[in-house]
Amino acid sequence: MPVAYEAQPLESVELVTQTDGGVIWSNWNFKFFSGGTSSVTTGVASNQIWAAWNNSITCATTNATTLTFPSNSIVWNAWNSQFTFTVSNLGRVKETDEQKQARLLQEQKWKAEREQADKDRKEAEAKAEALLLQNLNDIQKQQFKKHGFFKVHIGGKIYKVNRGVSRNIQLIEEKTDHDKVLRTYCAYPDGVPVGDVLLTQKLWLEANEAEFLRIANAS
């Protein structure tokens, strides 16, 4: 039968600082004992802490063979007296010159790709907005440049097309000091510059308002 181990309550815990700066549990060995048939270990010197446990305690297997733990010179005694923790050991492994060169070349490649993609995006946005302005009347151009929206009048109704992509079209009722929003619509082509989105929405409303309202999400 396996040996049962118990620990008595510690009224107080005394920490012992060793000569090398380590801190151990001096009272552990004096309070700890084993149950079952194993002998009780008491009064062990504080610098032997877990070493005494490993060296003295045995356990029985199902075939009654007794196993003894390793010598105290290689177990928890070594842990208590020799363990150190150095933050610098957790740092990245030093790169070789070849690894550093490869990393720098890859980072330069990624940077160049990001810069080119950003340049292409800005050029596409500029072309799309120029095309949009070519298809707005003078009043709409003024509205868009000053306020970031333009209004489309269709059959007595007014749609405000705001700069943006999603949920940017509003059916409004013009008031003296503000526009009252009656409904908001969302329908747009995906993956194109904002100028192209706005022009598509404008032409769609003007060409087939009913189809736009059928497809768009409304709220």
N, C-alpha and C. Protein backbone atom coordinates (compact mmCIF):
# COMPACT_ATOMS: atom_id res chain seq x y z
N MET A 1 0.86 -1.20 0.00
CA MET A 1 0.00 0.00 0.00
C MET A 1 0.89 1.25 0.00
N PRO A 2 0.57 2.28 -0.81
CA PRO A 2 1.39 3.49 -0.84
C PRO A 2 1.39 4.17 0.51
N VAL A 3 2.50 4.82 0.85
CA VAL A 3 2.63 5.53 2.11
C VAL A 3 1.87 6.84 2.05
N ALA A 4 1.13 7.16 3.11
CA ALA A 4 0.42 8.43 3.18
C ALA A 4 1.28 9.46 3.87
N TYR A 5 1.29 10.67 3.32
CA TYR A 5 2.11 11.72 3.91
C TYR A 5 1.21 12.81 4.45
N GLU A 6 1.56 13.32 5.63
CA GLU A 6 0.77 14.37 6.26
C GLU A 6 1.69 15.49 6.68
N ALA A 7 1.12 16.68 6.79
CA ALA A 7 1.89 17.83 7.26
C ALA A 7 1.16 18.43 8.44
N GLN A 8 1.87 18.61 9.56
CA GLN A 8 1.27 19.25 10.73
C GLN A 8 1.18 20.74 10.49
N PRO A 9 0.21 21.42 11.09
CA PRO A 9 0.11 22.87 10.95
C PRO A 9 1.35 23.57 11.48
N LEU A 10 1.75 24.64 10.80
CA LEU A 10 2.89 25.43 11.27
C LEU A 10 2.35 26.64 12.02
N GLU A 11 2.72 26.72 13.32
CA GLU A 11 2.28 27.88 14.08
C GLU A 11 2.95 29.14 13.55
N SER A 12 4.17 29.01 13.13
CA SER A 12 4.89 30.13 12.53
C SER A 12 5.85 29.56 11.50
N VAL A 13 6.15 30.33 10.49
CA VAL A 13 7.07 29.90 9.45
C VAL A 13 8.32 30.74 9.53
N GLU A 14 9.45 30.10 9.69
CA GLU A 14 10.73 30.79 9.79
C GLU A 14 11.49 30.63 8.49
N LEU A 15 11.89 31.74 7.91
CA LEU A 15 12.68 31.70 6.68
C LEU A 15 14.14 31.84 7.04
N VAL A 16 14.96 30.95 6.54
CA VAL A 16 16.38 30.99 6.82
C VAL A 16 17.11 31.42 5.57
N THR A 17 17.91 32.48 5.70
CA THR A 17 18.72 32.95 4.58
C THR A 17 20.06 32.26 4.63
N GLN A 18 20.41 31.57 3.56
CA GLN A 18 21.66 30.84 3.53
C GLN A 18 22.82 31.75 3.14
N THR A 19 24.01 31.24 3.23
CA THR A 19 25.21 32.04 2.95
C THR A 19 25.24 32.53 1.51
N ASP A 20 24.61 31.81 0.61
CA ASP A 20 24.61 32.24 -0.78
C ASP A 20 23.42 33.11 -1.12
N GLY A 21 22.64 33.52 -0.13
CA GLY A 21 21.50 34.40 -0.36
C GLY A 21 20.20 33.69 -0.56
N GLY A 22 20.18 32.35 -0.63
CA GLY A 22 18.95 31.62 -0.83
C GLY A 22 18.09 31.64 0.43
N VAL A 23 16.79 31.47 0.27
CA VAL A 23 15.86 31.44 1.40
C VAL A 23 15.14 30.10 1.41
N ILE A 24 15.12 29.42 2.57
CA ILE A 24 14.50 28.12 2.67
C ILE A 24 13.52 28.09 3.83
N TRP A 25 12.80 26.98 3.98
CA TRP A 25 11.80 26.82 5.03
C TRP A 25 12.39 26.03 6.18
N SER A 26 12.85 26.70 7.20
CA SER A 26 13.54 26.01 8.28
C SER A 26 12.64 25.08 9.07
N ASN A 27 11.37 25.44 9.23
CA ASN A 27 10.47 24.64 10.07
C ASN A 27 9.89 23.42 9.37
N TRP A 28 10.04 23.37 8.04
CA TRP A 28 9.40 22.28 7.30
C TRP A 28 9.85 20.92 7.81
N ASN A 29 11.16 20.73 7.94
CA ASN A 29 11.67 19.43 8.32
C ASN A 29 11.29 19.04 9.73
N PHE A 30 11.17 20.01 10.61
CA PHE A 30 10.87 19.70 12.00
C PHE A 30 9.40 19.39 12.22
N LYS A 31 8.54 19.84 11.31
CA LYS A 31 7.10 19.62 11.46
C LYS A 31 6.58 18.49 10.59
N PHE A 32 7.34 18.13 9.58
CA PHE A 32 6.86 17.16 8.62
C PHE A 32 7.13 15.73 9.11
N PHE A 33 6.18 14.84 8.95
CA PHE A 33 6.41 13.44 9.26
C PHE A 33 5.64 12.58 8.29
N SER A 34 5.99 11.31 8.21
CA SER A 34 5.31 10.40 7.29
C SER A 34 4.44 9.45 8.09
N GLY A 35 3.30 9.07 7.48
CA GLY A 35 2.41 8.13 8.14
C GLY A 35 2.70 6.72 7.66
N GLY A 36 1.82 5.79 7.97
CA GLY A 36 2.00 4.42 7.52
C GLY A 36 3.13 3.74 8.26
N THR A 37 3.86 2.90 7.54
CA THR A 37 4.91 2.10 8.19
C THR A 37 6.27 2.77 8.13
N SER A 38 6.38 3.89 7.41
CA SER A 38 7.69 4.52 7.30
C SER A 38 8.05 5.22 8.60
N SER A 39 9.31 5.30 8.87
CA SER A 39 9.76 5.92 10.11
C SER A 39 9.58 7.42 10.06
N VAL A 40 9.41 8.03 11.23
CA VAL A 40 9.22 9.48 11.33
C VAL A 40 10.57 10.17 11.26
N THR A 41 10.65 11.21 10.47
CA THR A 41 11.89 11.98 10.36
C THR A 41 11.69 13.31 11.05
N THR A 42 12.47 13.59 12.07
CA THR A 42 12.34 14.86 12.80
C THR A 42 13.72 15.42 13.08
N GLY A 43 13.74 16.72 13.38
CA GLY A 43 14.98 17.35 13.80
C GLY A 43 16.06 17.41 12.75
N VAL A 44 15.69 17.38 11.49
CA VAL A 44 16.69 17.45 10.42
C VAL A 44 17.21 18.87 10.32
N ALA A 45 18.48 19.03 10.07
CA ALA A 45 19.06 20.36 9.95
C ALA A 45 18.37 21.15 8.84
N SER A 46 18.23 22.45 9.06
CA SER A 46 17.45 23.27 8.13
C SER A 46 18.06 23.34 6.74
N ASN A 47 19.37 23.10 6.62
CA ASN A 47 19.96 23.18 5.29
C ASN A 47 19.78 21.90 4.49
N GLN A 48 19.01 20.95 5.07
CA GLN A 48 18.77 19.71 4.34
C GLN A 48 17.33 19.60 3.85
N ILE A 49 16.44 20.45 4.33
CA ILE A 49 15.06 20.57 3.86
C ILE A 49 14.57 19.40 3.02
N TRP A 50 14.44 19.62 1.71
CA TRP A 50 13.89 18.59 0.84
C TRP A 50 14.84 17.42 0.65
N ALA A 51 16.11 17.66 0.93
CA ALA A 51 17.05 16.55 0.80
C ALA A 51 16.67 15.42 1.73
N ALA A 52 16.26 15.78 2.96
CA ALA A 52 15.87 14.76 3.93
C ALA A 52 14.67 13.97 3.42
N TRP A 53 13.72 14.67 2.86
CA TRP A 53 12.54 14.01 2.31
C TRP A 53 12.95 12.97 1.27
N ASN A 54 13.72 13.41 0.29
CA ASN A 54 14.10 12.51 -0.79
C ASN A 54 14.98 11.36 -0.33
N ASN A 55 15.82 11.62 0.65
CA ASN A 55 16.79 10.62 1.08
C ASN A 55 16.19 9.62 2.06
N SER A 56 15.17 10.04 2.85
CA SER A 56 14.69 9.21 3.94
C SER A 56 13.37 8.52 3.68
N ILE A 57 12.49 9.14 2.91
CA ILE A 57 11.15 8.60 2.73
C ILE A 57 11.15 7.53 1.64
N THR A 58 10.48 6.45 1.88
CA THR A 58 10.35 5.38 0.89
C THR A 58 8.89 5.13 0.61
N CYS A 59 8.61 4.50 -0.48
CA CYS A 59 7.23 4.14 -0.80
C CYS A 59 7.19 2.69 -1.26
N ALA A 60 6.05 2.06 -1.09
CA ALA A 60 5.92 0.65 -1.45
C ALA A 60 5.08 0.50 -2.70
N THR A 61 5.48 -0.36 -3.59
CA THR A 61 4.71 -0.64 -4.80
C THR A 61 3.76 -1.80 -4.52
N THR A 62 2.96 -2.15 -5.50
CA THR A 62 1.98 -3.21 -5.31
C THR A 62 2.62 -4.58 -5.09
N ASN A 63 3.87 -4.75 -5.54
CA ASN A 63 4.52 -6.04 -5.33
C ASN A 63 5.47 -6.01 -4.14
N ALA A 64 5.24 -4.99 -3.27
CA ALA A 64 5.98 -4.87 -2.01
C ALA A 64 7.45 -4.54 -2.20
N THR A 65 7.83 -4.09 -3.40
CA THR A 65 9.21 -3.67 -3.62
C THR A 65 9.38 -2.23 -3.12
N THR A 66 10.35 -1.97 -2.28
CA THR A 66 10.55 -0.64 -1.72
C THR A 66 11.49 0.17 -2.61
N LEU A 67 11.07 1.41 -2.92
CA LEU A 67 11.88 2.30 -3.75
C LEU A 67 12.40 3.44 -2.89
N THR A 68 13.66 3.74 -2.98
CA THR A 68 14.26 4.84 -2.24
C THR A 68 14.63 5.94 -3.22
N PHE A 69 14.31 7.19 -2.87
CA PHE A 69 14.61 8.31 -3.74
C PHE A 69 16.12 8.54 -3.83
N PRO A 70 16.56 9.34 -4.80
CA PRO A 70 17.99 9.57 -5.00
C PRO A 70 18.65 10.25 -3.80
N SER A 71 19.95 10.27 -3.85
CA SER A 71 20.74 10.88 -2.79
C SER A 71 20.40 12.35 -2.63
N ASN A 72 20.53 12.85 -1.41
CA ASN A 72 20.15 14.25 -1.15
C ASN A 72 21.07 15.25 -1.84
N SER A 73 22.16 14.83 -2.40
CA SER A 73 23.08 15.77 -3.04
C SER A 73 22.58 16.23 -4.40
N ILE A 74 21.53 15.54 -4.94
CA ILE A 74 21.10 15.92 -6.29
C ILE A 74 19.63 16.28 -6.35
N VAL A 75 18.97 16.48 -5.20
CA VAL A 75 17.55 16.77 -5.25
C VAL A 75 17.24 18.16 -4.73
N TRP A 76 16.26 18.28 -3.85
CA TRP A 76 15.81 19.60 -3.45
C TRP A 76 16.84 20.38 -2.63
N ASN A 77 17.79 19.71 -2.03
CA ASN A 77 18.85 20.43 -1.35
C ASN A 77 19.58 21.33 -2.33
N ALA A 78 19.88 20.78 -3.52
CA ALA A 78 20.55 21.58 -4.55
C ALA A 78 19.67 22.74 -4.99
N TRP A 79 18.37 22.49 -5.08
CA TRP A 79 17.45 23.57 -5.45
C TRP A 79 17.51 24.72 -4.46
N ASN A 80 17.40 24.42 -3.17
CA ASN A 80 17.39 25.46 -2.15
C ASN A 80 18.67 26.24 -2.08
N SER A 81 19.79 25.58 -2.29
CA SER A 81 21.07 26.24 -2.08
C SER A 81 21.68 26.85 -3.33
N GLN A 82 21.24 26.39 -4.52
CA GLN A 82 21.95 26.81 -5.71
C GLN A 82 21.10 27.52 -6.75
N PHE A 83 19.79 27.43 -6.64
CA PHE A 83 18.94 27.99 -7.70
C PHE A 83 19.06 29.51 -7.76
N THR A 84 19.23 30.05 -8.93
CA THR A 84 19.21 31.50 -9.16
C THR A 84 18.35 31.79 -10.37
N PHE A 85 17.85 33.01 -10.43
CA PHE A 85 16.98 33.43 -11.52
C PHE A 85 17.55 34.69 -12.12
N THR A 86 17.95 34.63 -13.36
CA THR A 86 18.55 35.77 -14.04
C THR A 86 17.67 36.18 -15.21
N VAL A 87 17.18 37.41 -15.15
CA VAL A 87 16.26 37.88 -16.19
C VAL A 87 16.93 37.86 -17.56
N SER A 88 18.20 38.18 -17.60
CA SER A 88 18.89 38.24 -18.89
C SER A 88 18.86 36.91 -19.62
N ASN A 89 18.71 35.82 -18.87
CA ASN A 89 18.67 34.51 -19.52
C ASN A 89 17.41 34.31 -20.35
N LEU A 90 16.39 35.17 -20.12
CA LEU A 90 15.14 35.01 -20.85
C LEU A 90 15.13 35.77 -22.16
N GLY A 91 16.20 36.49 -22.47
CA GLY A 91 16.25 37.30 -23.67
C GLY A 91 16.34 36.46 -24.93
N ARG A 92 16.26 37.13 -26.07
CA ARG A 92 16.33 36.44 -27.35
C ARG A 92 17.74 35.91 -27.59
N VAL A 93 17.83 34.76 -28.19
CA VAL A 93 19.13 34.18 -28.50
C VAL A 93 19.86 35.10 -29.47
N LYS A 94 21.12 35.32 -29.24
CA LYS A 94 21.90 36.22 -30.07
C LYS A 94 21.91 35.75 -31.52
N GLU A 95 21.65 36.68 -32.43
CA GLU A 95 21.63 36.36 -33.85
C GLU A 95 23.04 36.21 -34.40
N THR A 96 23.17 35.38 -35.37
CA THR A 96 24.42 35.33 -36.11
C THR A 96 24.40 36.49 -37.10
N ASP A 97 25.55 36.81 -37.66
CA ASP A 97 25.62 37.91 -38.64
C ASP A 97 24.74 37.61 -39.84
N GLU A 98 24.71 36.33 -40.25
CA GLU A 98 23.89 35.97 -41.40
C GLU A 98 22.40 36.12 -41.09
N GLN A 99 21.99 35.71 -39.89
CA GLN A 99 20.58 35.84 -39.48
C GLN A 99 20.18 37.31 -39.39
N LYS A 100 21.05 38.14 -38.86
CA LYS A 100 20.75 39.57 -38.74
C LYS A 100 20.59 40.20 -40.12
N GLN A 101 21.49 39.87 -41.02
CA GLN A 101 21.42 40.41 -42.37
C GLN A 101 20.14 39.99 -43.07
N ALA A 102 19.76 38.72 -42.91
CA ALA A 102 18.52 38.21 -43.52
C ALA A 102 17.30 38.91 -42.94
N ARG A 103 17.31 39.12 -41.63
CA ARG A 103 16.18 39.80 -40.97
C ARG A 103 16.05 41.25 -41.45
N LEU A 104 17.17 41.95 -41.54
CA LEU A 104 17.14 43.35 -41.99
C LEU A 104 16.65 43.46 -43.43
N LEU A 105 17.08 42.54 -44.28
CA LEU A 105 16.63 42.55 -45.67
C LEU A 105 15.13 42.30 -45.76
N GLN A 106 14.61 41.37 -44.94
CA GLN A 106 13.18 41.07 -44.94
C GLN A 106 12.38 42.26 -44.44
N GLU A 107 12.88 42.92 -43.39
CA GLU A 107 12.18 44.09 -42.85
C GLU A 107 12.16 45.22 -43.86
N GLN A 108 13.25 45.41 -44.61
CA GLN A 108 13.29 46.44 -45.65
C GLN A 108 12.30 46.12 -46.76
N LYS A 109 12.18 44.83 -47.09
CA LYS A 109 11.23 44.41 -48.13
C LYS A 109 9.80 44.70 -47.69
N TRP A 110 9.48 44.33 -46.45
CA TRP A 110 8.13 44.57 -45.93
C TRP A 110 7.82 46.07 -45.89
N LYS A 111 8.78 46.88 -45.49
CA LYS A 111 8.59 48.33 -45.42
C LYS A 111 8.31 48.89 -46.81
N ALA A 112 9.09 48.45 -47.78
CA ALA A 112 8.90 48.93 -49.15
C ALA A 112 7.52 48.54 -49.68
N GLU A 113 7.08 47.31 -49.37
CA GLU A 113 5.76 46.85 -49.81
C GLU A 113 4.65 47.67 -49.18
N ARG A 114 4.79 47.98 -47.87
CA ARG A 114 3.77 48.79 -47.20
C ARG A 114 3.71 50.19 -47.79
N GLU A 115 4.87 50.77 -48.06
CA GLU A 115 4.92 52.12 -48.61
C GLU A 115 4.31 52.16 -50.01
N GLN A 116 4.59 51.14 -50.82
CA GLN A 116 4.03 51.09 -52.16
C GLN A 116 2.51 50.91 -52.12
N ALA A 117 2.04 50.04 -51.23
CA ALA A 117 0.60 49.82 -51.11
C ALA A 117 -0.10 51.10 -50.66
N ASP A 118 0.51 51.84 -49.74
CA ASP A 118 -0.07 53.10 -49.26
C ASP A 118 -0.10 54.13 -50.38
N LYS A 119 0.97 54.17 -51.18
CA LYS A 119 1.02 55.10 -52.32
C LYS A 119 -0.05 54.76 -53.34
N ASP A 120 -0.21 53.47 -53.65
CA ASP A 120 -1.22 53.04 -54.62
C ASP A 120 -2.62 53.37 -54.12
N ARG A 121 -2.86 53.16 -52.83
CA ARG A 121 -4.18 53.45 -52.26
C ARG A 121 -4.52 54.93 -52.38
N LYS A 122 -3.55 55.79 -52.06
CA LYS A 122 -3.80 57.24 -52.12
C LYS A 122 -4.04 57.69 -53.55
N GLU A 123 -3.30 57.13 -54.49
CA GLU A 123 -3.51 57.49 -55.90
C GLU A 123 -4.89 57.05 -56.36
N ALA A 124 -5.32 55.86 -55.96
CA ALA A 124 -6.64 55.36 -56.35
C ALA A 124 -7.74 56.21 -55.74
N GLU A 125 -7.57 56.61 -54.49
CA GLU A 125 -8.57 57.46 -53.82
C GLU A 125 -8.67 58.82 -54.53
N ALA A 126 -7.53 59.39 -54.91
CA ALA A 126 -7.52 60.69 -55.58
C ALA A 126 -8.21 60.61 -56.94
N LYS A 127 -7.94 59.55 -57.72
CA LYS A 127 -8.59 59.38 -59.02
C LYS A 127 -10.09 59.17 -58.88
N ALA A 128 -10.49 58.39 -57.87
CA ALA A 128 -11.91 58.12 -57.67
C ALA A 128 -12.66 59.39 -57.27
N GLU A 129 -12.06 60.22 -56.42
CA GLU A 129 -12.73 61.45 -56.00
C GLU A 129 -12.82 62.44 -57.16
N ALA A 130 -11.78 62.48 -58.00
CA ALA A 130 -11.82 63.37 -59.17
C ALA A 130 -12.94 62.96 -60.10
N LEU A 131 -13.13 61.65 -60.32
CA LEU A 131 -14.21 61.16 -61.16
C LEU A 131 -15.56 61.48 -60.55
N LEU A 132 -15.68 61.36 -59.24
CA LEU A 132 -16.94 61.69 -58.56
C LEU A 132 -17.30 63.16 -58.79
N LEU A 133 -16.34 64.04 -58.59
CA LEU A 133 -16.61 65.47 -58.74
C LEU A 133 -17.03 65.82 -60.17
N GLN A 134 -16.50 65.08 -61.15
CA GLN A 134 -16.90 65.32 -62.54
C GLN A 134 -18.37 65.00 -62.78
N ASN A 135 -18.94 64.16 -61.93
CA ASN A 135 -20.32 63.74 -62.10
C ASN A 135 -21.29 64.41 -61.12
N LEU A 136 -20.82 65.42 -60.39
CA LEU A 136 -21.69 66.20 -59.50
C LEU A 136 -21.97 67.55 -60.13
N ASN A 137 -23.18 68.08 -59.88
CA ASN A 137 -23.47 69.44 -60.35
C ASN A 137 -22.80 70.44 -59.41
N ASP A 138 -22.91 71.70 -59.71
CA ASP A 138 -22.19 72.73 -58.94
C ASP A 138 -22.63 72.75 -57.47
N ILE A 139 -23.93 72.60 -57.23
CA ILE A 139 -24.41 72.63 -55.84
C ILE A 139 -23.88 71.41 -55.07
N GLN A 140 -23.94 70.25 -55.72
CA GLN A 140 -23.45 69.03 -55.07
C GLN A 140 -21.95 69.11 -54.79
N LYS A 141 -21.19 69.68 -55.74
CA LYS A 141 -19.76 69.85 -55.52
C LYS A 141 -19.49 70.72 -54.31
N GLN A 142 -20.23 71.81 -54.21
CA GLN A 142 -20.05 72.73 -53.09
C GLN A 142 -20.39 72.03 -51.76
N GLN A 143 -21.49 71.28 -51.75
CA GLN A 143 -21.88 70.55 -50.55
C GLN A 143 -20.79 69.54 -50.13
N PHE A 144 -20.27 68.82 -51.12
CA PHE A 144 -19.31 67.78 -50.82
C PHE A 144 -17.98 68.36 -50.32
N LYS A 145 -17.51 69.40 -50.97
CA LYS A 145 -16.24 69.99 -50.57
C LYS A 145 -16.33 70.68 -49.20
N LYS A 146 -17.49 71.27 -48.90
CA LYS A 146 -17.64 72.02 -47.65
C LYS A 146 -18.08 71.13 -46.50
N HIS A 147 -19.00 70.20 -46.77
CA HIS A 147 -19.61 69.43 -45.68
C HIS A 147 -19.34 67.92 -45.73
N GLY A 148 -18.81 67.41 -46.85
CA GLY A 148 -18.54 65.99 -46.93
C GLY A 148 -19.76 65.16 -47.28
N PHE A 149 -20.76 65.77 -47.90
CA PHE A 149 -21.94 65.04 -48.39
C PHE A 149 -22.51 65.80 -49.58
N PHE A 150 -23.39 65.13 -50.33
CA PHE A 150 -24.16 65.82 -51.37
C PHE A 150 -25.55 65.22 -51.37
N LYS A 151 -26.51 66.01 -51.87
CA LYS A 151 -27.91 65.60 -51.84
C LYS A 151 -28.38 65.26 -53.25
N VAL A 152 -29.17 64.17 -53.30
CA VAL A 152 -29.73 63.70 -54.57
C VAL A 152 -31.24 63.81 -54.48
N HIS A 153 -31.84 64.59 -55.38
CA HIS A 153 -33.30 64.80 -55.38
C HIS A 153 -33.93 63.84 -56.40
N ILE A 154 -34.87 63.01 -55.92
CA ILE A 154 -35.54 62.04 -56.80
C ILE A 154 -37.03 62.02 -56.47
N GLY A 155 -37.84 62.47 -57.44
CA GLY A 155 -39.30 62.39 -57.29
C GLY A 155 -39.82 63.01 -56.01
N GLY A 156 -39.34 64.15 -55.64
CA GLY A 156 -39.82 64.83 -54.44
C GLY A 156 -39.16 64.36 -53.16
N LYS A 157 -38.33 63.35 -53.23
CA LYS A 157 -37.60 62.87 -52.05
C LYS A 157 -36.15 63.33 -52.12
N ILE A 158 -35.54 63.45 -50.93
CA ILE A 158 -34.14 63.91 -50.87
C ILE A 158 -33.30 62.86 -50.15
N TYR A 159 -32.25 62.41 -50.85
CA TYR A 159 -31.29 61.48 -50.25
C TYR A 159 -29.98 62.23 -49.99
N LYS A 160 -29.48 62.08 -48.80
CA LYS A 160 -28.17 62.67 -48.47
C LYS A 160 -27.14 61.55 -48.53
N VAL A 161 -26.15 61.72 -49.41
CA VAL A 161 -25.08 60.74 -49.56
C VAL A 161 -23.84 61.29 -48.83
N ASN A 162 -23.51 60.67 -47.71
CA ASN A 162 -22.38 61.13 -46.89
C ASN A 162 -21.09 60.43 -47.29
N ARG A 163 -19.97 61.13 -47.12
CA ARG A 163 -18.68 60.50 -47.37
C ARG A 163 -18.55 59.28 -46.44
N GLY A 164 -18.25 58.14 -47.00
CA GLY A 164 -18.16 56.91 -46.22
C GLY A 164 -18.53 55.74 -47.09
N VAL A 165 -18.80 54.61 -46.45
CA VAL A 165 -19.12 53.40 -47.20
C VAL A 165 -20.40 52.76 -46.68
N SER A 166 -20.41 52.42 -45.42
CA SER A 166 -21.54 51.68 -44.85
C SER A 166 -22.53 52.62 -44.16
N ARG A 167 -23.82 52.40 -44.40
CA ARG A 167 -24.89 53.18 -43.76
C ARG A 167 -24.69 54.69 -43.96
N ASN A 168 -24.29 55.07 -45.14
CA ASN A 168 -23.96 56.47 -45.39
C ASN A 168 -25.01 57.21 -46.21
N ILE A 169 -26.13 56.54 -46.54
CA ILE A 169 -27.19 57.19 -47.32
C ILE A 169 -28.41 57.39 -46.43
N GLN A 170 -28.92 58.62 -46.43
CA GLN A 170 -30.06 58.95 -45.57
C GLN A 170 -31.19 59.58 -46.38
N LEU A 171 -32.39 59.10 -46.13
CA LEU A 171 -33.58 59.78 -46.66
C LEU A 171 -33.91 60.87 -45.66
N ILE A 172 -33.97 62.13 -46.10
CA ILE A 172 -34.12 63.23 -45.16
C ILE A 172 -35.31 64.13 -45.51
N GLU A 173 -35.70 64.89 -44.52
CA GLU A 173 -36.68 65.96 -44.70
C GLU A 173 -35.98 67.24 -44.28
N GLU A 174 -35.85 68.15 -45.24
CA GLU A 174 -35.11 69.39 -44.96
C GLU A 174 -35.91 70.30 -44.05
N LYS A 175 -35.28 70.76 -42.99
CA LYS A 175 -35.86 71.72 -42.07
C LYS A 175 -35.10 73.04 -42.20
N THR A 176 -35.59 74.05 -41.53
CA THR A 176 -34.95 75.36 -41.64
C THR A 176 -33.53 75.34 -41.11
N ASP A 177 -33.34 74.67 -39.95
CA ASP A 177 -32.03 74.70 -39.31
C ASP A 177 -31.31 73.34 -39.30
N HIS A 178 -31.95 72.30 -39.83
CA HIS A 178 -31.30 70.99 -39.83
C HIS A 178 -32.04 70.05 -40.79
N ASP A 179 -31.43 68.92 -41.04
CA ASP A 179 -32.05 67.88 -41.86
C ASP A 179 -32.55 66.77 -40.95
N LYS A 180 -33.83 66.45 -41.04
CA LYS A 180 -34.40 65.38 -40.24
C LYS A 180 -34.23 64.06 -40.99
N VAL A 181 -33.57 63.11 -40.34
CA VAL A 181 -33.33 61.81 -40.97
C VAL A 181 -34.56 60.94 -40.79
N LEU A 182 -35.12 60.49 -41.92
CA LEU A 182 -36.29 59.63 -41.91
C LEU A 182 -35.91 58.15 -41.97
N ARG A 183 -34.84 57.86 -42.71
CA ARG A 183 -34.41 56.47 -42.85
C ARG A 183 -32.96 56.45 -43.29
N THR A 184 -32.28 55.37 -42.92
CA THR A 184 -30.87 55.20 -43.29
C THR A 184 -30.73 53.93 -44.12
N TYR A 185 -29.93 54.01 -45.19
CA TYR A 185 -29.77 52.88 -46.10
C TYR A 185 -28.29 52.48 -46.21
N CYS A 186 -28.12 51.18 -46.48
CA CYS A 186 -26.76 50.65 -46.62
C CYS A 186 -26.71 49.70 -47.81
N ALA A 187 -26.01 50.13 -48.86
CA ALA A 187 -25.77 49.30 -50.04
C ALA A 187 -24.57 49.89 -50.76
N TYR A 188 -23.55 49.08 -50.98
CA TYR A 188 -22.33 49.64 -51.58
C TYR A 188 -21.50 48.55 -52.22
N PRO A 189 -20.69 48.92 -53.22
CA PRO A 189 -19.74 47.96 -53.82
C PRO A 189 -18.56 47.79 -52.87
N ASP A 190 -18.05 46.59 -52.78
CA ASP A 190 -16.98 46.31 -51.82
C ASP A 190 -15.61 46.35 -52.50
N GLY A 191 -14.61 46.81 -51.74
CA GLY A 191 -13.24 46.74 -52.21
C GLY A 191 -12.83 47.80 -53.20
N VAL A 192 -13.52 48.94 -53.23
CA VAL A 192 -13.18 50.03 -54.15
C VAL A 192 -12.99 51.31 -53.36
N PRO A 193 -12.31 52.32 -53.92
CA PRO A 193 -12.11 53.59 -53.21
C PRO A 193 -13.44 54.26 -52.86
N VAL A 194 -13.41 55.11 -51.84
CA VAL A 194 -14.62 55.75 -51.36
C VAL A 194 -15.30 56.58 -52.46
N GLY A 195 -14.52 57.28 -53.27
CA GLY A 195 -15.09 58.08 -54.35
C GLY A 195 -15.91 57.23 -55.31
N ASP A 196 -15.42 56.03 -55.61
CA ASP A 196 -16.16 55.13 -56.49
C ASP A 196 -17.43 54.62 -55.82
N VAL A 197 -17.37 54.39 -54.51
CA VAL A 197 -18.57 53.97 -53.77
C VAL A 197 -19.65 55.04 -53.87
N LEU A 198 -19.29 56.30 -53.61
CA LEU A 198 -20.26 57.39 -53.63
C LEU A 198 -20.85 57.61 -55.01
N LEU A 199 -20.01 57.51 -56.04
CA LEU A 199 -20.51 57.70 -57.40
C LEU A 199 -21.46 56.56 -57.78
N THR A 200 -21.13 55.35 -57.40
CA THR A 200 -22.00 54.20 -57.67
C THR A 200 -23.35 54.38 -57.00
N GLN A 201 -23.35 54.81 -55.76
CA GLN A 201 -24.61 55.00 -55.03
C GLN A 201 -25.45 56.11 -55.67
N LYS A 202 -24.82 57.19 -56.07
CA LYS A 202 -25.54 58.30 -56.72
C LYS A 202 -26.18 57.84 -58.03
N LEU A 203 -25.39 57.19 -58.88
CA LEU A 203 -25.92 56.76 -60.17
C LEU A 203 -27.00 55.68 -60.01
N TRP A 204 -26.84 54.84 -59.01
CA TRP A 204 -27.81 53.79 -58.74
C TRP A 204 -29.15 54.38 -58.34
N LEU A 205 -29.13 55.33 -57.44
CA LEU A 205 -30.37 55.99 -57.01
C LEU A 205 -31.06 56.69 -58.19
N GLU A 206 -30.26 57.37 -58.99
CA GLU A 206 -30.84 58.12 -60.11
C GLU A 206 -31.36 57.20 -61.20
N ALA A 207 -30.70 56.08 -61.42
CA ALA A 207 -31.09 55.19 -62.52
C ALA A 207 -32.21 54.26 -62.13
N ASN A 208 -32.22 53.76 -60.88
CA ASN A 208 -33.23 52.78 -60.49
C ASN A 208 -33.40 52.82 -58.96
N GLU A 209 -34.11 53.82 -58.51
CA GLU A 209 -34.32 54.00 -57.07
C GLU A 209 -34.99 52.78 -56.44
N ALA A 210 -35.99 52.22 -57.13
CA ALA A 210 -36.73 51.09 -56.57
C ALA A 210 -35.82 49.88 -56.35
N GLU A 211 -34.93 49.63 -57.31
CA GLU A 211 -34.01 48.50 -57.16
C GLU A 211 -33.01 48.74 -56.02
N PHE A 212 -32.56 49.98 -55.91
CA PHE A 212 -31.65 50.30 -54.80
C PHE A 212 -32.33 50.05 -53.46
N LEU A 213 -33.56 50.52 -53.31
CA LEU A 213 -34.29 50.35 -52.05
C LEU A 213 -34.61 48.89 -51.78
N ARG A 214 -34.77 48.10 -52.85
CA ARG A 214 -35.05 46.68 -52.65
C ARG A 214 -33.83 45.94 -52.09
N ILE A 215 -32.66 46.33 -52.55
CA ILE A 215 -31.43 45.64 -52.16
C ILE A 215 -30.86 46.17 -50.85
N ALA A 216 -30.98 47.46 -50.63
CA ALA A 216 -30.31 48.08 -49.48
C ALA A 216 -30.91 47.63 -48.14
N ASN A 217 -30.05 47.54 -47.14
CA ASN A 217 -30.52 47.36 -45.76
C ASN A 217 -30.99 48.70 -45.24
N ALA A 218 -32.16 48.73 -44.62
CA ALA A 218 -32.75 49.98 -44.17
C ALA A 218 -32.96 49.95 -42.67
N SER A 219 -32.79 51.10 -42.04
CA SER A 219 -33.04 51.21 -40.60
C SER A 219 -33.55 52.59 -40.26
